[in-house]
Amino acid sequence: MKSAATLRLIGNPHAYYPNLAKPLGGLTAAILFSQIFYWQDKANSELGVYKTRDDLEEETGLTHDEQRTAIKKLVAIGVLLVTEKRLEHKTYYKIG
């Protein structure tokens, strides 16, 4: 099997903004930011986009721990707003 066919079986590639890695605090933060940014205009809520940790892991390859660290960094520098609706068991992410 050709390598291109093998890669198609793995899934689709996802892009991120490499030049954001330093200002956002690292590669994982840049990857997560880029993915949330991609979904912003597709959000159905004024709170931002609803994503589970499993959704984000599938879309970015970042583990739950890597996501947690990236989210902390992005919130700390003020570029990400996180709203947890605990009764609904939903977390919303919005670029701020």
N, C-alpha and C. Protein backbone atom coordinates (compact mmCIF):
# COMPACT_ATOMS: atom_id res chain seq x y z
N MET A 1 0.85 -1.18 0.00
CA MET A 1 0.00 0.00 0.00
C MET A 1 0.89 1.24 0.00
N LYS A 2 0.54 2.22 -0.80
CA LYS A 2 1.30 3.45 -0.87
C LYS A 2 1.11 4.26 0.40
N SER A 3 2.12 5.08 0.72
CA SER A 3 2.06 5.86 1.96
C SER A 3 0.88 6.83 1.97
N ALA A 4 0.52 7.41 0.83
CA ALA A 4 -0.61 8.33 0.79
C ALA A 4 -1.91 7.61 1.14
N ALA A 5 -2.07 6.41 0.65
CA ALA A 5 -3.28 5.63 0.96
C ALA A 5 -3.31 5.27 2.45
N THR A 6 -2.17 4.95 3.00
CA THR A 6 -2.09 4.63 4.43
C THR A 6 -2.46 5.85 5.26
N LEU A 7 -1.96 7.02 4.89
CA LEU A 7 -2.30 8.24 5.63
C LEU A 7 -3.79 8.55 5.57
N ARG A 8 -4.42 8.27 4.43
CA ARG A 8 -5.87 8.52 4.32
C ARG A 8 -6.65 7.64 5.29
N LEU A 9 -6.14 6.45 5.57
CA LEU A 9 -6.79 5.56 6.53
C LEU A 9 -6.70 6.09 7.96
N ILE A 10 -5.63 6.82 8.24
CA ILE A 10 -5.42 7.38 9.58
C ILE A 10 -6.41 8.50 9.87
N GLY A 11 -6.75 9.31 8.87
CA GLY A 11 -7.68 10.41 9.06
C GLY A 11 -7.22 11.65 8.33
N ASN A 12 -7.88 12.75 8.64
CA ASN A 12 -7.59 14.02 7.97
C ASN A 12 -6.53 14.81 8.74
N PRO A 13 -5.70 15.56 8.02
CA PRO A 13 -4.73 16.41 8.70
C PRO A 13 -5.43 17.65 9.26
N HIS A 14 -4.83 18.24 10.28
CA HIS A 14 -5.35 19.48 10.86
C HIS A 14 -4.21 20.48 10.93
N ALA A 15 -4.51 21.70 10.56
CA ALA A 15 -3.48 22.75 10.53
C ALA A 15 -3.51 23.56 11.82
N TYR A 16 -2.39 24.16 12.12
CA TYR A 16 -2.29 25.10 13.23
C TYR A 16 -1.35 26.22 12.80
N TYR A 17 -1.27 27.26 13.62
CA TYR A 17 -0.43 28.41 13.32
C TYR A 17 0.89 28.28 14.08
N PRO A 18 1.96 27.80 13.44
CA PRO A 18 3.22 27.59 14.14
C PRO A 18 3.78 28.86 14.77
N ASN A 19 3.55 30.01 14.15
CA ASN A 19 4.09 31.26 14.68
C ASN A 19 3.41 31.68 15.99
N LEU A 20 2.35 30.99 16.38
CA LEU A 20 1.69 31.30 17.66
C LEU A 20 2.29 30.52 18.82
N ALA A 21 3.12 29.54 18.54
CA ALA A 21 3.66 28.68 19.61
C ALA A 21 4.38 29.49 20.68
N LYS A 22 5.27 30.37 20.31
CA LYS A 22 6.01 31.15 21.31
C LYS A 22 5.10 32.11 22.06
N PRO A 23 4.31 32.95 21.37
CA PRO A 23 3.48 33.90 22.13
C PRO A 23 2.41 33.23 23.00
N LEU A 24 1.95 32.04 22.63
CA LEU A 24 0.90 31.39 23.40
C LEU A 24 1.43 30.45 24.47
N GLY A 25 2.72 30.24 24.51
CA GLY A 25 3.29 29.43 25.57
C GLY A 25 3.64 28.00 25.19
N GLY A 26 3.72 27.72 23.91
CA GLY A 26 4.14 26.39 23.49
C GLY A 26 3.31 25.82 22.36
N LEU A 27 3.79 24.71 21.86
CA LEU A 27 3.16 24.05 20.72
C LEU A 27 1.75 23.56 21.05
N THR A 28 1.56 22.94 22.20
CA THR A 28 0.23 22.41 22.54
C THR A 28 -0.79 23.53 22.64
N ALA A 29 -0.39 24.66 23.22
CA ALA A 29 -1.30 25.80 23.32
C ALA A 29 -1.66 26.33 21.93
N ALA A 30 -0.68 26.37 21.03
CA ALA A 30 -0.94 26.84 19.66
C ALA A 30 -1.87 25.90 18.91
N ILE A 31 -1.67 24.60 19.11
CA ILE A 31 -2.53 23.61 18.44
C ILE A 31 -3.96 23.73 18.95
N LEU A 32 -4.13 23.79 20.27
CA LEU A 32 -5.48 23.89 20.83
C LEU A 32 -6.14 25.20 20.42
N PHE A 33 -5.41 26.32 20.51
CA PHE A 33 -5.94 27.61 20.10
C PHE A 33 -6.40 27.57 18.65
N SER A 34 -5.58 27.01 17.78
CA SER A 34 -5.92 26.95 16.35
C SER A 34 -7.18 26.15 16.11
N GLN A 35 -7.35 25.06 16.84
CA GLN A 35 -8.54 24.22 16.67
C GLN A 35 -9.79 24.94 17.17
N ILE A 36 -9.69 25.59 18.32
CA ILE A 36 -10.84 26.35 18.85
C ILE A 36 -11.16 27.51 17.90
N PHE A 37 -10.12 28.17 17.41
CA PHE A 37 -10.31 29.28 16.46
C PHE A 37 -11.05 28.79 15.21
N TYR A 38 -10.68 27.64 14.71
CA TYR A 38 -11.33 27.07 13.54
C TYR A 38 -12.84 26.94 13.75
N TRP A 39 -13.25 26.51 14.95
CA TRP A 39 -14.66 26.25 15.23
C TRP A 39 -15.44 27.50 15.64
N GLN A 40 -14.80 28.62 15.91
CA GLN A 40 -15.50 29.79 16.45
C GLN A 40 -16.68 30.24 15.60
N ASP A 41 -16.52 30.34 14.32
CA ASP A 41 -17.61 30.82 13.48
C ASP A 41 -18.69 29.77 13.24
N LYS A 42 -18.48 28.57 13.77
CA LYS A 42 -19.47 27.50 13.64
C LYS A 42 -20.20 27.25 14.96
N ALA A 43 -19.91 28.07 15.96
CA ALA A 43 -20.51 27.90 17.29
C ALA A 43 -22.00 28.21 17.26
N ASN A 44 -22.76 27.43 18.02
CA ASN A 44 -24.21 27.64 18.10
C ASN A 44 -24.61 28.40 19.35
N SER A 45 -23.65 28.84 20.13
CA SER A 45 -23.93 29.50 21.40
C SER A 45 -23.09 30.76 21.53
N GLU A 46 -23.63 31.75 22.22
CA GLU A 46 -22.86 32.96 22.49
C GLU A 46 -21.71 32.67 23.47
N LEU A 47 -21.76 31.52 24.12
CA LEU A 47 -20.69 31.12 25.04
C LEU A 47 -19.47 30.60 24.30
N GLY A 48 -19.63 30.31 23.02
CA GLY A 48 -18.53 29.78 22.22
C GLY A 48 -18.87 28.40 21.68
N VAL A 49 -17.84 27.64 21.42
CA VAL A 49 -18.02 26.32 20.83
C VAL A 49 -18.01 25.27 21.94
N TYR A 50 -18.91 24.32 21.84
CA TYR A 50 -18.97 23.21 22.80
C TYR A 50 -18.10 22.09 22.28
N LYS A 51 -17.15 21.67 23.10
CA LYS A 51 -16.28 20.54 22.76
C LYS A 51 -16.02 19.73 24.01
N THR A 52 -16.03 18.43 23.86
CA THR A 52 -15.62 17.56 24.97
C THR A 52 -14.10 17.36 24.88
N ARG A 53 -13.52 16.89 25.97
CA ARG A 53 -12.08 16.60 25.94
C ARG A 53 -11.79 15.49 24.92
N ASP A 54 -12.71 14.54 24.81
CA ASP A 54 -12.53 13.47 23.82
C ASP A 54 -12.58 14.03 22.40
N ASP A 55 -13.51 14.98 22.14
CA ASP A 55 -13.58 15.62 20.83
C ASP A 55 -12.24 16.28 20.50
N LEU A 56 -11.74 17.05 21.47
CA LEU A 56 -10.48 17.76 21.24
C LEU A 56 -9.31 16.81 21.06
N GLU A 57 -9.33 15.71 21.78
CA GLU A 57 -8.25 14.72 21.61
C GLU A 57 -8.30 14.12 20.22
N GLU A 58 -9.49 13.80 19.76
CA GLU A 58 -9.64 13.21 18.42
C GLU A 58 -9.22 14.21 17.34
N GLU A 59 -9.57 15.48 17.53
CA GLU A 59 -9.29 16.50 16.52
C GLU A 59 -7.84 16.97 16.52
N THR A 60 -7.18 16.97 17.68
CA THR A 60 -5.85 17.56 17.78
C THR A 60 -4.75 16.54 18.11
N GLY A 61 -5.13 15.42 18.69
CA GLY A 61 -4.13 14.45 19.15
C GLY A 61 -3.59 14.77 20.53
N LEU A 62 -4.05 15.88 21.13
CA LEU A 62 -3.59 16.26 22.47
C LEU A 62 -4.30 15.43 23.52
N THR A 63 -3.54 14.89 24.47
CA THR A 63 -4.14 14.13 25.56
C THR A 63 -4.91 15.07 26.47
N HIS A 64 -5.69 14.52 27.38
CA HIS A 64 -6.46 15.34 28.32
C HIS A 64 -5.53 16.20 29.16
N ASP A 65 -4.40 15.64 29.60
CA ASP A 65 -3.43 16.42 30.39
C ASP A 65 -2.82 17.55 29.56
N GLU A 66 -2.49 17.27 28.33
CA GLU A 66 -1.94 18.31 27.45
C GLU A 66 -2.97 19.40 27.20
N GLN A 67 -4.22 19.01 27.03
CA GLN A 67 -5.29 20.01 26.86
C GLN A 67 -5.43 20.88 28.09
N ARG A 68 -5.43 20.25 29.25
CA ARG A 68 -5.58 20.98 30.51
C ARG A 68 -4.48 22.04 30.66
N THR A 69 -3.25 21.64 30.38
CA THR A 69 -2.12 22.57 30.47
C THR A 69 -2.25 23.70 29.46
N ALA A 70 -2.61 23.35 28.22
CA ALA A 70 -2.78 24.36 27.18
C ALA A 70 -3.91 25.33 27.53
N ILE A 71 -5.01 24.81 28.03
CA ILE A 71 -6.14 25.67 28.41
C ILE A 71 -5.72 26.64 29.51
N LYS A 72 -5.01 26.15 30.51
CA LYS A 72 -4.53 27.03 31.59
C LYS A 72 -3.67 28.16 31.04
N LYS A 73 -2.76 27.83 30.13
CA LYS A 73 -1.90 28.85 29.54
C LYS A 73 -2.72 29.88 28.76
N LEU A 74 -3.66 29.41 27.94
CA LEU A 74 -4.45 30.31 27.11
C LEU A 74 -5.38 31.19 27.94
N VAL A 75 -5.95 30.64 29.00
CA VAL A 75 -6.79 31.43 29.90
C VAL A 75 -5.94 32.46 30.63
N ALA A 76 -4.76 32.06 31.10
CA ALA A 76 -3.88 32.94 31.87
C ALA A 76 -3.46 34.17 31.06
N ILE A 77 -3.25 34.00 29.76
CA ILE A 77 -2.83 35.15 28.96
C ILE A 77 -4.02 35.90 28.35
N GLY A 78 -5.23 35.43 28.63
CA GLY A 78 -6.44 36.16 28.25
C GLY A 78 -6.93 35.96 26.83
N VAL A 79 -6.53 34.91 26.17
CA VAL A 79 -6.99 34.70 24.79
C VAL A 79 -8.08 33.64 24.68
N LEU A 80 -8.39 32.96 25.79
CA LEU A 80 -9.41 31.92 25.78
C LEU A 80 -10.33 32.08 26.98
N LEU A 81 -11.62 32.05 26.71
CA LEU A 81 -12.63 32.06 27.76
C LEU A 81 -13.24 30.67 27.83
N VAL A 82 -13.32 30.12 29.03
CA VAL A 82 -13.89 28.79 29.23
C VAL A 82 -15.10 28.93 30.13
N THR A 83 -16.24 28.41 29.68
CA THR A 83 -17.46 28.41 30.47
C THR A 83 -17.90 26.97 30.68
N GLU A 84 -17.96 26.58 31.94
CA GLU A 84 -18.39 25.22 32.26
C GLU A 84 -19.83 25.26 32.73
N LYS A 85 -20.67 24.55 32.05
CA LYS A 85 -22.07 24.38 32.43
C LYS A 85 -22.18 23.01 33.08
N ARG A 86 -21.91 22.97 34.36
CA ARG A 86 -21.81 21.70 35.08
C ARG A 86 -23.10 20.89 35.06
N LEU A 87 -24.25 21.55 35.19
CA LEU A 87 -25.53 20.82 35.18
C LEU A 87 -25.79 20.18 33.82
N GLU A 88 -25.29 20.82 32.77
CA GLU A 88 -25.45 20.28 31.41
C GLU A 88 -24.29 19.36 31.03
N HIS A 89 -23.25 19.33 31.87
CA HIS A 89 -22.03 18.56 31.58
C HIS A 89 -21.41 19.00 30.25
N LYS A 90 -21.32 20.32 30.07
CA LYS A 90 -20.78 20.87 28.84
C LYS A 90 -19.74 21.95 29.16
N THR A 91 -18.71 22.00 28.33
CA THR A 91 -17.70 23.05 28.43
C THR A 91 -17.65 23.79 27.09
N TYR A 92 -17.72 25.12 27.19
CA TYR A 92 -17.69 25.97 26.01
C TYR A 92 -16.37 26.73 25.97
N TYR A 93 -15.83 26.90 24.78
CA TYR A 93 -14.57 27.60 24.59
C TYR A 93 -14.79 28.75 23.61
N LYS A 94 -14.26 29.91 23.98
CA LYS A 94 -14.42 31.09 23.14
C LYS A 94 -13.11 31.86 23.10
N ILE A 95 -12.70 32.22 21.89
CA ILE A 95 -11.51 33.05 21.75
C ILE A 95 -11.87 34.44 22.24
N GLY A 96 -11.07 34.96 23.17
CA GLY A 96 -11.40 36.25 23.79
C GLY A 96 -10.50 37.36 23.37
